[in-house]
Amino acid sequence: MAKLPALCLCLLIFSSVTVATSVLADEELNSVKTWCIAKPSTDETALQNNIEYACPLVDCSKFLQPGCPCFEPDNRMNHASVAMNVFYQRNGRNKWNCDFNNSGLITLTDPSYGGCVFE
């Protein structure tokens, strides 16, 4: 039953991402607030690879440790999206900083939830 709200959120974010990347030019992406999240269709291995790539380059410990606001829900999709967004924000918010082997999406919709604030 809890999967339905998450699925709806993913579909909402996906529709916003499609607009963000197809309508906005590269220079326009830097003039509006955007976030990077994992594509809902990304498999578990790719999500883990994204976490392992991003976290040594940006400090994920203050976001993804038990007790931190972004740790829950404790799943790879959430953790990868948090890590990918931190990497994207800290490296210039360029399209290529959210590619992650074609598993990242740029969205205009703030993916923050509860106490978890996406930068």
PDB file of N, CA and C in Angstrom:
ATOM      1  N   MET A   1       0.818  -1.181   0.000  1.00  0.00           N
ATOM      2  CA  MET A   1       0.000   0.000   0.000  1.00  0.00           C
ATOM      3  C   MET A   1       0.865   1.249   0.000  1.00  0.00           C
ATOM      4  N   ALA A   2       2.021   1.227   0.673  1.00  0.00           N
ATOM      5  CA  ALA A   2       2.902   2.383   0.724  1.00  0.00           C
ATOM      6  C   ALA A   2       3.572   2.642  -0.618  1.00  0.00           C
ATOM      7  N   LYS A   3       3.583   1.657  -1.496  1.00  0.00           N
ATOM      8  CA  LYS A   3       4.233   1.824  -2.791  1.00  0.00           C
ATOM      9  C   LYS A   3       3.455   2.752  -3.707  1.00  0.00           C
ATOM     10  N   LEU A   4       2.161   2.858  -3.539  1.00  0.00           N
ATOM     11  CA  LEU A   4       1.344   3.699  -4.404  1.00  0.00           C
ATOM     12  C   LEU A   4       1.733   5.162  -4.305  1.00  0.00           C
ATOM     13  N   PRO A   5       1.863   5.764  -3.094  1.00  0.00           N
ATOM     14  CA  PRO A   5       2.290   7.165  -3.032  1.00  0.00           C
ATOM     15  C   PRO A   5       3.674   7.383  -3.643  1.00  0.00           C
ATOM     16  N   ALA A   6       4.590   6.443  -3.416  1.00  0.00           N
ATOM     17  CA  ALA A   6       5.925   6.573  -3.990  1.00  0.00           C
ATOM     18  C   ALA A   6       5.866   6.516  -5.509  1.00  0.00           C
ATOM     19  N   LEU A   7       5.024   5.632  -6.055  1.00  0.00           N
ATOM     20  CA  LEU A   7       4.866   5.530  -7.496  1.00  0.00           C
ATOM     21  C   LEU A   7       4.286   6.815  -8.056  1.00  0.00           C
ATOM     22  N   CYS A   8       3.296   7.374  -7.381  1.00  0.00           N
ATOM     23  CA  CYS A   8       2.697   8.631  -7.830  1.00  0.00           C
ATOM     24  C   CYS A   8       3.727   9.744  -7.814  1.00  0.00           C
ATOM     25  N   LEU A   9       4.548   9.805  -6.747  1.00  0.00           N
ATOM     26  CA  LEU A   9       5.591  10.814  -6.656  1.00  0.00           C
ATOM     27  C   LEU A   9       6.575  10.647  -7.793  1.00  0.00           C
ATOM     28  N   CYS A  10       6.962   9.416  -8.093  1.00  0.00           N
ATOM     29  CA  CYS A  10       7.906   9.166  -9.180  1.00  0.00           C
ATOM     30  C   CYS A  10       7.329   9.606 -10.520  1.00  0.00           C
ATOM     31  N   LEU A  11       6.066   9.324 -10.747  1.00  0.00           N
ATOM     32  CA  LEU A  11       5.435   9.727 -12.005  1.00  0.00           C
ATOM     33  C   LEU A  11       5.337  11.239 -12.114  1.00  0.00           C
ATOM     34  N   LEU A  12       5.029  11.919 -11.012  1.00  0.00           N
ATOM     35  CA  LEU A  12       4.972  13.375 -11.009  1.00  0.00           C
ATOM     36  C   LEU A  12       6.336  13.964 -11.300  1.00  0.00           C
ATOM     37  N   ILE A  13       7.357  13.446 -10.636  1.00  0.00           N
ATOM     38  CA  ILE A  13       8.710  13.931 -10.860  1.00  0.00           C
ATOM     39  C   ILE A  13       9.153  13.632 -12.286  1.00  0.00           C
ATOM     40  N   PHE A  14       8.851  12.425 -12.789  1.00  0.00           N
ATOM     41  CA  PHE A  14       9.236  12.058 -14.145  1.00  0.00           C
ATOM     42  C   PHE A  14       8.625  13.015 -15.161  1.00  0.00           C
ATOM     43  N   SER A  15       7.347  13.378 -14.998  1.00  0.00           N
ATOM     44  CA  SER A  15       6.715  14.289 -15.955  1.00  0.00           C
ATOM     45  C   SER A  15       7.355  15.666 -15.883  1.00  0.00           C
ATOM     46  N   SER A  16       7.752  16.110 -14.697  1.00  0.00           N
ATOM     47  CA  SER A  16       8.422  17.402 -14.568  1.00  0.00           C
ATOM     48  C   SER A  16       9.807  17.364 -15.188  1.00  0.00           C
ATOM     49  N   VAL A  17      10.483  16.232 -15.063  1.00  0.00           N
ATOM     50  CA  VAL A  17      11.817  16.096 -15.625  1.00  0.00           C
ATOM     51  C   VAL A  17      11.766  16.170 -17.144  1.00  0.00           C
ATOM     52  N   THR A  18      10.813  15.499 -17.720  1.00  0.00           N
ATOM     53  CA  THR A  18      10.691  15.515 -19.170  1.00  0.00           C
ATOM     54  C   THR A  18      10.574  16.940 -19.671  1.00  0.00           C
ATOM     55  N   VAL A  19       9.790  17.743 -18.993  1.00  0.00           N
ATOM     56  CA  VAL A  19       9.650  19.151 -19.360  1.00  0.00           C
ATOM     57  C   VAL A  19      10.966  19.880 -19.158  1.00  0.00           C
ATOM     58  N   ALA A  20      11.628  19.638 -18.033  1.00  0.00           N
ATOM     59  CA  ALA A  20      12.852  20.356 -17.714  1.00  0.00           C
ATOM     60  C   ALA A  20      13.933  20.132 -18.754  1.00  0.00           C
ATOM     61  N   THR A  21      14.159  18.893 -19.147  1.00  0.00           N
ATOM     62  CA  THR A  21      15.272  18.612 -20.033  1.00  0.00           C
ATOM     63  C   THR A  21      14.945  18.837 -21.503  1.00  0.00           C
ATOM     64  N   SER A  22      13.672  18.794 -21.867  1.00  0.00           N
ATOM     65  CA  SER A  22      13.353  18.969 -23.273  1.00  0.00           C
ATOM     66  C   SER A  22      13.037  20.418 -23.624  1.00  0.00           C
ATOM     67  N   VAL A  23      12.610  21.221 -22.657  1.00  0.00           N
ATOM     68  CA  VAL A  23      12.229  22.593 -22.942  1.00  0.00           C
ATOM     69  C   VAL A  23      13.362  23.570 -22.666  1.00  0.00           C
ATOM     70  N   LEU A  24      14.143  23.315 -21.633  1.00  0.00           N
ATOM     71  CA  LEU A  24      15.172  24.253 -21.231  1.00  0.00           C
ATOM     72  C   LEU A  24      16.507  23.954 -21.905  1.00  0.00           C
ATOM     73  N   ALA A  25      17.147  25.000 -22.396  1.00  0.00           N
ATOM     74  CA  ALA A  25      18.485  24.881 -22.962  1.00  0.00           C
ATOM     75  C   ALA A  25      19.480  24.756 -21.808  1.00  0.00           C
ATOM     76  N   ASP A  26      20.725  24.375 -22.121  1.00  0.00           N
ATOM     77  CA  ASP A  26      21.742  24.197 -21.089  1.00  0.00           C
ATOM     78  C   ASP A  26      21.887  25.428 -20.203  1.00  0.00           C
ATOM     79  N   GLU A  27      21.983  26.603 -20.790  1.00  0.00           N
ATOM     80  CA  GLU A  27      22.173  27.815 -19.998  1.00  0.00           C
ATOM     81  C   GLU A  27      20.946  28.145 -19.151  1.00  0.00           C
ATOM     82  N   GLU A  28      19.773  27.744 -19.604  1.00  0.00           N
ATOM     83  CA  GLU A  28      18.552  27.988 -18.837  1.00  0.00           C
ATOM     84  C   GLU A  28      18.471  27.085 -17.610  1.00  0.00           C
ATOM     85  N   LEU A  29      19.051  25.885 -17.684  1.00  0.00           N
ATOM     86  CA  LEU A  29      19.040  24.981 -16.542  1.00  0.00           C
ATOM     87  C   LEU A  29      19.736  25.615 -15.344  1.00  0.00           C
ATOM     88  N   ASN A  30      20.770  26.425 -15.597  1.00  0.00           N
ATOM     89  CA  ASN A  30      21.490  27.058 -14.503  1.00  0.00           C
ATOM     90  C   ASN A  30      20.785  28.293 -13.975  1.00  0.00           C
ATOM     91  N   SER A  31      19.762  28.791 -14.664  1.00  0.00           N
ATOM     92  CA  SER A  31      19.073  29.992 -14.210  1.00  0.00           C
ATOM     93  C   SER A  31      17.803  29.667 -13.407  1.00  0.00           C
ATOM     94  N   VAL A  32      17.382  28.409 -13.362  1.00  0.00           N
ATOM     95  CA  VAL A  32      16.232  27.984 -12.562  1.00  0.00           C
ATOM     96  C   VAL A  32      16.698  26.901 -11.597  1.00  0.00           C
ATOM     97  N   LYS A  33      15.957  26.699 -10.524  1.00  0.00           N
ATOM     98  CA  LYS A  33      16.315  25.669  -9.553  1.00  0.00           C
ATOM     99  C   LYS A  33      15.958  24.296 -10.117  1.00  0.00           C
ATOM    100  N   THR A  34      16.927  23.417 -10.160  1.00  0.00           N
ATOM    101  CA  THR A  34      16.723  22.058 -10.652  1.00  0.00           C
ATOM    102  C   THR A  34      17.367  21.080  -9.677  1.00  0.00           C
ATOM    103  N   TRP A  35      16.922  19.840  -9.740  1.00  0.00           N
ATOM    104  CA  TRP A  35      17.442  18.765  -8.911  1.00  0.00           C
ATOM    105  C   TRP A  35      17.703  17.556  -9.794  1.00  0.00           C
ATOM    106  N   CYS A  36      18.533  16.658  -9.311  1.00  0.00           N
ATOM    107  CA  CYS A  36      18.838  15.419 -10.016  1.00  0.00           C
ATOM    108  C   CYS A  36      18.339  14.254  -9.171  1.00  0.00           C
ATOM    109  N   ILE A  37      17.605  13.356  -9.801  1.00  0.00           N
ATOM    110  CA  ILE A  37      17.103  12.161  -9.126  1.00  0.00           C
ATOM    111  C   ILE A  37      17.353  10.946 -10.017  1.00  0.00           C
ATOM    112  N   ALA A  38      17.221   9.780  -9.444  1.00  0.00           N
ATOM    113  CA  ALA A  38      17.354   8.548 -10.215  1.00  0.00           C
ATOM    114  C   ALA A  38      16.072   8.295 -11.008  1.00  0.00           C
ATOM    115  N   LYS A  39      16.234   7.815 -12.232  1.00  0.00           N
ATOM    116  CA  LYS A  39      15.063   7.427 -13.019  1.00  0.00           C
ATOM    117  C   LYS A  39      14.344   6.284 -12.307  1.00  0.00           C
ATOM    118  N   PRO A  40      13.026   6.331 -12.262  1.00  0.00           N
ATOM    119  CA  PRO A  40      12.272   5.258 -11.593  1.00  0.00           C
ATOM    120  C   PRO A  40      12.535   3.870 -12.169  1.00  0.00           C
ATOM    121  N   SER A  41      12.947   3.784 -13.416  1.00  0.00           N
ATOM    122  CA  SER A  41      13.175   2.492 -14.060  1.00  0.00           C
ATOM    123  C   SER A  41      14.589   1.942 -13.824  1.00  0.00           C
ATOM    124  N   THR A  42      15.410   2.651 -13.081  1.00  0.00           N
ATOM    125  CA  THR A  42      16.793   2.238 -12.870  1.00  0.00           C
ATOM    126  C   THR A  42      16.864   0.979 -12.011  1.00  0.00           C
ATOM    127  N   ASP A  43      17.663   0.006 -12.449  1.00  0.00           N
ATOM    128  CA  ASP A  43      17.772  -1.240 -11.682  1.00  0.00           C
ATOM    129  C   ASP A  43      18.662  -1.057 -10.451  1.00  0.00           C
ATOM    130  N   GLU A  44      18.547  -1.989  -9.533  1.00  0.00           N
ATOM    131  CA  GLU A  44      19.240  -1.907  -8.242  1.00  0.00           C
ATOM    132  C   GLU A  44      20.762  -1.820  -8.395  1.00  0.00           C
ATOM    133  N   THR A  45      21.324  -2.545  -9.352  1.00  0.00           N
ATOM    134  CA  THR A  45      22.776  -2.514  -9.557  1.00  0.00           C
ATOM    135  C   THR A  45      23.230  -1.128  -9.986  1.00  0.00           C
ATOM    136  N   ALA A  46      22.526  -0.521 -10.919  1.00  0.00           N
ATOM    137  CA  ALA A  46      22.882   0.824 -11.376  1.00  0.00           C
ATOM    138  C   ALA A  46      22.718   1.839 -10.250  1.00  0.00           C
ATOM    139  N   LEU A  47      21.671   1.693  -9.439  1.00  0.00           N
ATOM    140  CA  LEU A  47      21.483   2.599  -8.307  1.00  0.00           C
ATOM    141  C   LEU A  47      22.658   2.492  -7.337  1.00  0.00           C
ATOM    142  N   GLN A  48      23.072   1.258  -7.039  1.00  0.00           N
ATOM    143  CA  GLN A  48      24.218   1.048  -6.145  1.00  0.00           C
ATOM    144  C   GLN A  48      25.484   1.627  -6.756  1.00  0.00           C
ATOM    145  N   ASN A  49      25.674   1.444  -8.059  1.00  0.00           N
ATOM    146  CA  ASN A  49      26.841   2.020  -8.741  1.00  0.00           C
ATOM    147  C   ASN A  49      26.840   3.542  -8.631  1.00  0.00           C
ATOM    148  N   ASN A  50      25.668   4.160  -8.737  1.00  0.00           N
ATOM    149  CA  ASN A  50      25.573   5.615  -8.633  1.00  0.00           C
ATOM    150  C   ASN A  50      25.961   6.090  -7.230  1.00  0.00           C
ATOM    151  N   ILE A  51      25.503   5.365  -6.220  1.00  0.00           N
ATOM    152  CA  ILE A  51      25.868   5.701  -4.842  1.00  0.00           C
ATOM    153  C   ILE A  51      27.377   5.568  -4.659  1.00  0.00           C
ATOM    154  N   GLU A  52      27.933   4.468  -5.149  1.00  0.00           N
ATOM    155  CA  GLU A  52      29.374   4.213  -5.000  1.00  0.00           C
ATOM    156  C   GLU A  52      30.215   5.211  -5.792  1.00  0.00           C
ATOM    157  N   TYR A  53      29.682   5.739  -6.869  1.00  0.00           N
ATOM    158  CA  TYR A  53      30.408   6.752  -7.639  1.00  0.00           C
ATOM    159  C   TYR A  53      30.338   8.115  -6.944  1.00  0.00           C
ATOM    160  N   ALA A  54      29.137   8.530  -6.554  1.00  0.00           N
ATOM    161  CA  ALA A  54      28.939   9.886  -6.029  1.00  0.00           C
ATOM    162  C   ALA A  54      29.500  10.072  -4.622  1.00  0.00           C
ATOM    163  N   CYS A  55      29.274   9.119  -3.754  1.00  0.00           N
ATOM    164  CA  CYS A  55      29.596   9.330  -2.331  1.00  0.00           C
ATOM    165  C   CYS A  55      31.078   9.530  -2.007  1.00  0.00           C
ATOM    166  N   PRO A  56      32.017   8.910  -2.704  1.00  0.00           N
ATOM    167  CA  PRO A  56      33.416   9.244  -2.418  1.00  0.00           C
ATOM    168  C   PRO A  56      33.783  10.674  -2.884  1.00  0.00           C
ATOM    169  N   LEU A  57      33.019  11.218  -3.802  1.00  0.00           N
ATOM    170  CA  LEU A  57      33.322  12.547  -4.343  1.00  0.00           C
ATOM    171  C   LEU A  57      32.616  13.673  -3.597  1.00  0.00           C
ATOM    172  N   VAL A  58      31.502  13.355  -2.953  1.00  0.00           N
ATOM    173  CA  VAL A  58      30.777  14.309  -2.105  1.00  0.00           C
ATOM    174  C   VAL A  58      30.477  13.584  -0.797  1.00  0.00           C
ATOM    175  N   ASP A  59      30.381  14.288   0.287  1.00  0.00           N
ATOM    176  CA  ASP A  59      30.180  13.648   1.588  1.00  0.00           C
ATOM    177  C   ASP A  59      28.724  13.259   1.774  1.00  0.00           C
ATOM    178  N   CYS A  60      28.417  11.987   1.550  1.00  0.00           N
ATOM    179  CA  CYS A  60      27.046  11.483   1.711  1.00  0.00           C
ATOM    180  C   CYS A  60      26.724  11.157   3.163  1.00  0.00           C
ATOM    181  N   SER A  61      27.731  11.115   4.020  1.00  0.00           N
ATOM    182  CA  SER A  61      27.508  10.658   5.397  1.00  0.00           C
ATOM    183  C   SER A  61      26.499  11.531   6.142  1.00  0.00           C
ATOM    184  N   LYS A  62      26.457  12.818   5.868  1.00  0.00           N
ATOM    185  CA  LYS A  62      25.514  13.669   6.594  1.00  0.00           C
ATOM    186  C   LYS A  62      24.098  13.593   6.031  1.00  0.00           C
ATOM    187  N   PHE A  63      23.919  12.821   4.964  1.00  0.00           N
ATOM    188  CA  PHE A  63      22.604  12.645   4.358  1.00  0.00           C
ATOM    189  C   PHE A  63      22.084  11.218   4.485  1.00  0.00           C
ATOM    190  N   LEU A  64      22.988  10.232   4.405  1.00  0.00           N
ATOM    191  CA  LEU A  64      22.548   8.857   4.238  1.00  0.00           C
ATOM    192  C   LEU A  64      22.882   7.919   5.391  1.00  0.00           C
ATOM    193  N   GLN A  65      23.252   8.440   6.542  1.00  0.00           N
ATOM    194  CA  GLN A  65      23.493   7.598   7.709  1.00  0.00           C
ATOM    195  C   GLN A  65      22.183   7.404   8.473  1.00  0.00           C
ATOM    196  N   PRO A  66      22.008   6.260   9.136  1.00  0.00           N
ATOM    197  CA  PRO A  66      20.801   6.075   9.955  1.00  0.00           C
ATOM    198  C   PRO A  66      20.638   7.248  10.929  1.00  0.00           C
ATOM    199  N   GLY A  67      19.419   7.739  11.010  1.00  0.00           N
ATOM    200  CA  GLY A  67      19.124   8.878  11.872  1.00  0.00           C
ATOM    201  C   GLY A  67      19.132  10.209  11.141  1.00  0.00           C
ATOM    202  N   CYS A  68      19.749  10.256   9.966  1.00  0.00           N
ATOM    203  CA  CYS A  68      19.746  11.485   9.173  1.00  0.00           C
ATOM    204  C   CYS A  68      18.388  11.629   8.492  1.00  0.00           C
ATOM    205  N   PRO A  69      17.960  12.873   8.230  1.00  0.00           N
ATOM    206  CA  PRO A  69      16.622  13.087   7.667  1.00  0.00           C
ATOM    207  C   PRO A  69      16.377  12.409   6.317  1.00  0.00           C
ATOM    208  N   CYS A  70      17.409  12.215   5.521  1.00  0.00           N
ATOM    209  CA  CYS A  70      17.219  11.628   4.182  1.00  0.00           C
ATOM    210  C   CYS A  70      17.458  10.127   4.140  1.00  0.00           C
ATOM    211  N   PHE A  71      17.769   9.515   5.298  1.00  0.00           N
ATOM    212  CA  PHE A  71      18.030   8.080   5.317  1.00  0.00           C
ATOM    213  C   PHE A  71      16.767   7.267   5.023  1.00  0.00           C
ATOM    214  N   GLU A  72      15.640   7.719   5.524  1.00  0.00           N
ATOM    215  CA  GLU A  72      14.364   7.033   5.282  1.00  0.00           C
ATOM    216  C   GLU A  72      13.665   7.639   4.078  1.00  0.00           C
ATOM    217  N   PRO A  73      13.051   6.890   3.222  1.00  0.00           N
ATOM    218  CA  PRO A  73      12.997   5.432   3.280  1.00  0.00           C
ATOM    219  C   PRO A  73      14.359   4.823   2.944  1.00  0.00           C
ATOM    220  N   ASP A  74      14.683   3.771   3.657  1.00  0.00           N
ATOM    221  CA  ASP A  74      15.967   3.101   3.522  1.00  0.00           C
ATOM    222  C   ASP A  74      15.929   2.155   2.326  1.00  0.00           C
ATOM    223  N   ASN A  75      16.101   2.723   1.125  1.00  0.00           N
ATOM    224  CA  ASN A  75      16.144   1.906  -0.086  1.00  0.00           C
ATOM    225  C   ASN A  75      17.103   2.546  -1.080  1.00  0.00           C
ATOM    226  N   ARG A  76      17.538   1.782  -2.047  1.00  0.00           N
ATOM    227  CA  ARG A  76      18.534   2.270  -3.001  1.00  0.00           C
ATOM    228  C   ARG A  76      18.025   3.427  -3.857  1.00  0.00           C
ATOM    229  N   MET A  77      16.757   3.386  -4.250  1.00  0.00           N
ATOM    230  CA  MET A  77      16.210   4.465  -5.079  1.00  0.00           C
ATOM    231  C   MET A  77      16.328   5.800  -4.354  1.00  0.00           C
ATOM    232  N   ASN A  78      15.934   5.827  -3.102  1.00  0.00           N
ATOM    233  CA  ASN A  78      16.013   7.055  -2.326  1.00  0.00           C
ATOM    234  C   ASN A  78      17.461   7.466  -2.098  1.00  0.00           C
ATOM    235  N   HIS A  79      18.287   6.537  -1.651  1.00  0.00           N
ATOM    236  CA  HIS A  79      19.683   6.869  -1.358  1.00  0.00           C
ATOM    237  C   HIS A  79      20.419   7.317  -2.617  1.00  0.00           C
ATOM    238  N   ALA A  80      20.176   6.661  -3.732  1.00  0.00           N
ATOM    239  CA  ALA A  80      20.827   7.067  -4.981  1.00  0.00           C
ATOM    240  C   ALA A  80      20.373   8.463  -5.390  1.00  0.00           C
ATOM    241  N   SER A  81      19.094   8.751  -5.278  1.00  0.00           N
ATOM    242  CA  SER A  81      18.591  10.078  -5.654  1.00  0.00           C
ATOM    243  C   SER A  81      19.223  11.167  -4.799  1.00  0.00           C
ATOM    244  N   VAL A  82      19.350  10.919  -3.503  1.00  0.00           N
ATOM    245  CA  VAL A  82      19.982  11.895  -2.605  1.00  0.00           C
ATOM    246  C   VAL A  82      21.442  12.090  -3.007  1.00  0.00           C
ATOM    247  N   ALA A  83      22.181  10.993  -3.169  1.00  0.00           N
ATOM    248  CA  ALA A  83      23.601  11.080  -3.530  1.00  0.00           C
ATOM    249  C   ALA A  83      23.794  11.741  -4.893  1.00  0.00           C
ATOM    250  N   MET A  84      22.985  11.360  -5.855  1.00  0.00           N
ATOM    251  CA  MET A  84      23.098  11.928  -7.203  1.00  0.00           C
ATOM    252  C   MET A  84      22.817  13.430  -7.177  1.00  0.00           C
ATOM    253  N   ASN A  85      21.831  13.844  -6.393  1.00  0.00           N
ATOM    254  CA  ASN A  85      21.507  15.263  -6.323  1.00  0.00           C
ATOM    255  C   ASN A  85      22.627  16.060  -5.660  1.00  0.00           C
ATOM    256  N   VAL A  86      23.204  15.531  -4.577  1.00  0.00           N
ATOM    257  CA  VAL A  86      24.323  16.231  -3.934  1.00  0.00           C
ATOM    258  C   VAL A  86      25.462  16.390  -4.939  1.00  0.00           C
ATOM    259  N   PHE A  87      25.775  15.318  -5.664  1.00  0.00           N
ATOM    260  CA  PHE A  87      26.827  15.384  -6.681  1.00  0.00           C
ATOM    261  C   PHE A  87      26.487  16.434  -7.742  1.00  0.00           C
ATOM    262  N   TYR A  88      25.278  16.410  -8.246  1.00  0.00           N
ATOM    263  CA  TYR A  88      24.812  17.349  -9.272  1.00  0.00           C
ATOM    264  C   TYR A  88      24.908  18.798  -8.783  1.00  0.00           C
ATOM    265  N   GLN A  89      24.420  19.059  -7.583  1.00  0.00           N
ATOM    266  CA  GLN A  89      24.425  20.425  -7.047  1.00  0.00           C
ATOM    267  C   GLN A  89      25.855  20.928  -6.827  1.00  0.00           C
ATOM    268  N   ARG A  90      26.725  20.067  -6.342  1.00  0.00           N
ATOM    269  CA  ARG A  90      28.088  20.488  -5.987  1.00  0.00           C
ATOM    270  C   ARG A  90      29.021  20.565  -7.189  1.00  0.00           C
ATOM    271  N   ASN A  91      28.578  20.057  -8.326  1.00  0.00           N
ATOM    272  CA  ASN A  91      29.443  20.049  -9.506  1.00  0.00           C
ATOM    273  C   ASN A  91      28.903  20.905 -10.649  1.00  0.00           C
ATOM    274  N   GLY A  92      28.109  21.899 -10.332  1.00  0.00           N
ATOM    275  CA  GLY A  92      27.737  22.894 -11.330  1.00  0.00           C
ATOM    276  C   GLY A  92      26.360  22.775 -11.941  1.00  0.00           C
ATOM    277  N   ARG A  93      25.559  21.785 -11.542  1.00  0.00           N
ATOM    278  CA  ARG A  93      24.210  21.624 -12.068  1.00  0.00           C
ATOM    279  C   ARG A  93      24.183  21.607 -13.603  1.00  0.00           C
ATOM    280  N   ASN A  94      25.116  20.904 -14.189  1.00  0.00           N
ATOM    281  CA  ASN A  94      25.143  20.705 -15.642  1.00  0.00           C
ATOM    282  C   ASN A  94      24.465  19.387 -15.971  1.00  0.00           C
ATOM    283  N   LYS A  95      23.921  19.279 -17.180  1.00  0.00           N
ATOM    284  CA  LYS A  95      23.238  18.038 -17.583  1.00  0.00           C
ATOM    285  C   LYS A  95      24.128  16.814 -17.375  1.00  0.00           C
ATOM    286  N   TRP A  96      25.388  16.935 -17.716  1.00  0.00           N
ATOM    287  CA  TRP A  96      26.283  15.785 -17.626  1.00  0.00           C
ATOM    288  C   TRP A  96      26.556  15.380 -16.175  1.00  0.00           C
ATOM    289  N   ASN A  97      26.323  16.285 -15.211  1.00  0.00           N
ATOM    290  CA  ASN A  97      26.498  15.927 -13.804  1.00  0.00           C
ATOM    291  C   ASN A  97      25.316  15.136 -13.256  1.00  0.00           C
ATOM    292  N   CYS A  98      24.299  14.930 -14.089  1.00  0.00           N
ATOM    293  CA  CYS A  98      23.137  14.130 -13.686  1.00  0.00           C
ATOM    294  C   CYS A  98      22.910  12.965 -14.643  1.00  0.00           C
ATOM    295  N   ASP A  99      23.891  12.653 -15.445  1.00  0.00           N
ATOM    296  CA  ASP A  99      23.707  11.578 -16.422  1.00  0.00           C
ATOM    297  C   ASP A  99      23.775  10.197 -15.772  1.00  0.00           C
ATOM    298  N   PHE A 100      24.820   9.944 -15.029  1.00  0.00           N
ATOM    299  CA  PHE A 100      24.991   8.662 -14.336  1.00  0.00           C
ATOM    300  C   PHE A 100      24.647   7.484 -15.252  1.00  0.00           C
ATOM    301  N   ASN A 101      25.349   7.410 -16.379  1.00  0.00           N
ATOM    302  CA  ASN A 101      25.116   6.348 -17.372  1.00  0.00           C
ATOM    303  C   ASN A 101      23.648   6.276 -17.784  1.00  0.00           C
ATOM    304  N   ASN A 102      23.074   7.443 -17.999  1.00  0.00           N
ATOM    305  CA  ASN A 102      21.685   7.581 -18.458  1.00  0.00           C
ATOM    306  C   ASN A 102      20.660   7.084 -17.432  1.00  0.00           C
ATOM    307  N   SER A 103      21.011   7.148 -16.148  1.00  0.00           N
ATOM    308  CA  SER A 103      20.054   6.738 -15.116  1.00  0.00           C
ATOM    309  C   SER A 103      19.583   7.907 -14.258  1.00  0.00           C
ATOM    310  N   GLY A 104      20.010   9.128 -14.589  1.00  0.00           N
ATOM    311  CA  GLY A 104      19.600  10.297 -13.830  1.00  0.00           C
ATOM    312  C   GLY A 104      18.612  11.153 -14.592  1.00  0.00           C
ATOM    313  N   LEU A 105      17.771  11.859 -13.835  1.00  0.00           N
ATOM    314  CA  LEU A 105      16.788  12.775 -14.404  1.00  0.00           C
ATOM    315  C   LEU A 105      16.924  14.141 -13.744  1.00  0.00           C
ATOM    316  N   ILE A 106      16.819  15.182 -14.521  1.00  0.00           N
ATOM    317  CA  ILE A 106      16.784  16.532 -13.976  1.00  0.00           C
ATOM    318  C   ILE A 106      15.324  16.934 -13.857  1.00  0.00           C
ATOM    319  N   THR A 107      14.971  17.448 -12.682  1.00  0.00           N
ATOM    320  CA  THR A 107      13.583  17.821 -12.435  1.00  0.00           C
ATOM    321  C   THR A 107      13.479  19.261 -11.957  1.00  0.00           C
ATOM    322  N   LEU A 108      12.355  19.886 -12.276  1.00  0.00           N
ATOM    323  CA  LEU A 108      12.029  21.217 -11.780  1.00  0.00           C
ATOM    324  C   LEU A 108      11.220  21.121 -10.486  1.00  0.00           C
ATOM    325  N   THR A 109      10.737  19.932 -10.167  1.00  0.00           N
ATOM    326  CA  THR A 109       9.938  19.695  -8.973  1.00  0.00           C
ATOM    327  C   THR A 109      10.849  19.320  -7.818  1.00  0.00           C
ATOM    328  N   ASP A 110      10.779  20.071  -6.744  1.00  0.00           N
ATOM    329  CA  ASP A 110      11.615  19.814  -5.572  1.00  0.00           C
ATOM    330  C   ASP A 110      11.269  18.436  -4.988  1.00  0.00           C
ATOM    331  N   PRO A 111      12.241  17.513  -4.970  1.00  0.00           N
ATOM    332  CA  PRO A 111      11.965  16.163  -4.450  1.00  0.00           C
ATOM    333  C   PRO A 111      12.069  16.059  -2.926  1.00  0.00           C
ATOM    334  N   SER A 112      12.272  17.171  -2.239  1.00  0.00           N
ATOM    335  CA  SER A 112      12.365  17.157  -0.778  1.00  0.00           C
ATOM    336  C   SER A 112      11.097  16.571  -0.168  1.00  0.00           C
ATOM    337  N   TYR A 113      11.244  15.937   0.968  1.00  0.00           N
ATOM    338  CA  TYR A 113      10.099  15.343   1.655  1.00  0.00           C
ATOM    339  C   TYR A 113      10.376  15.343   3.151  1.00  0.00           C
ATOM    340  N   GLY A 114       9.339  15.519   3.954  1.00  0.00           N
ATOM    341  CA  GLY A 114       9.501  15.510   5.401  1.00  0.00           C
ATOM    342  C   GLY A 114      10.654  16.408   5.824  1.00  0.00           C
ATOM    343  N   GLY A 115      11.590  15.854   6.579  1.00  0.00           N
ATOM    344  CA  GLY A 115      12.763  16.608   7.022  1.00  0.00           C
ATOM    345  C   GLY A 115      13.926  16.526   6.059  1.00  0.00           C
ATOM    346  N   CYS A 116      13.754  15.787   4.972  1.00  0.00           N
ATOM    347  CA  CYS A 116      14.831  15.624   3.985  1.00  0.00           C
ATOM    348  C   CYS A 116      14.730  16.743   2.953  1.00  0.00           C
ATOM    349  N   VAL A 117      15.665  17.665   3.019  1.00  0.00           N
ATOM    350  CA  VAL A 117      15.692  18.788   2.094  1.00  0.00           C
ATOM    351  C   VAL A 117      16.781  18.534   1.060  1.00  0.00           C
ATOM    352  N   PHE A 118      16.374  18.390  -0.194  1.00  0.00           N
ATOM    353  CA  PHE A 118      17.337  18.252  -1.278  1.00  0.00           C
ATOM    354  C   PHE A 118      17.937  19.618  -1.531  1.00  0.00           C
ATOM    355  N   GLU A 119      19.270  19.695  -1.613  1.00  0.00           N
ATOM    356  CA  GLU A 119      19.956  20.971  -1.828  1.00  0.00           C
ATOM    357  C   GLU A 119      19.435  21.663  -3.063  1.00  0.00           C
TER     358      GLU A 119
END
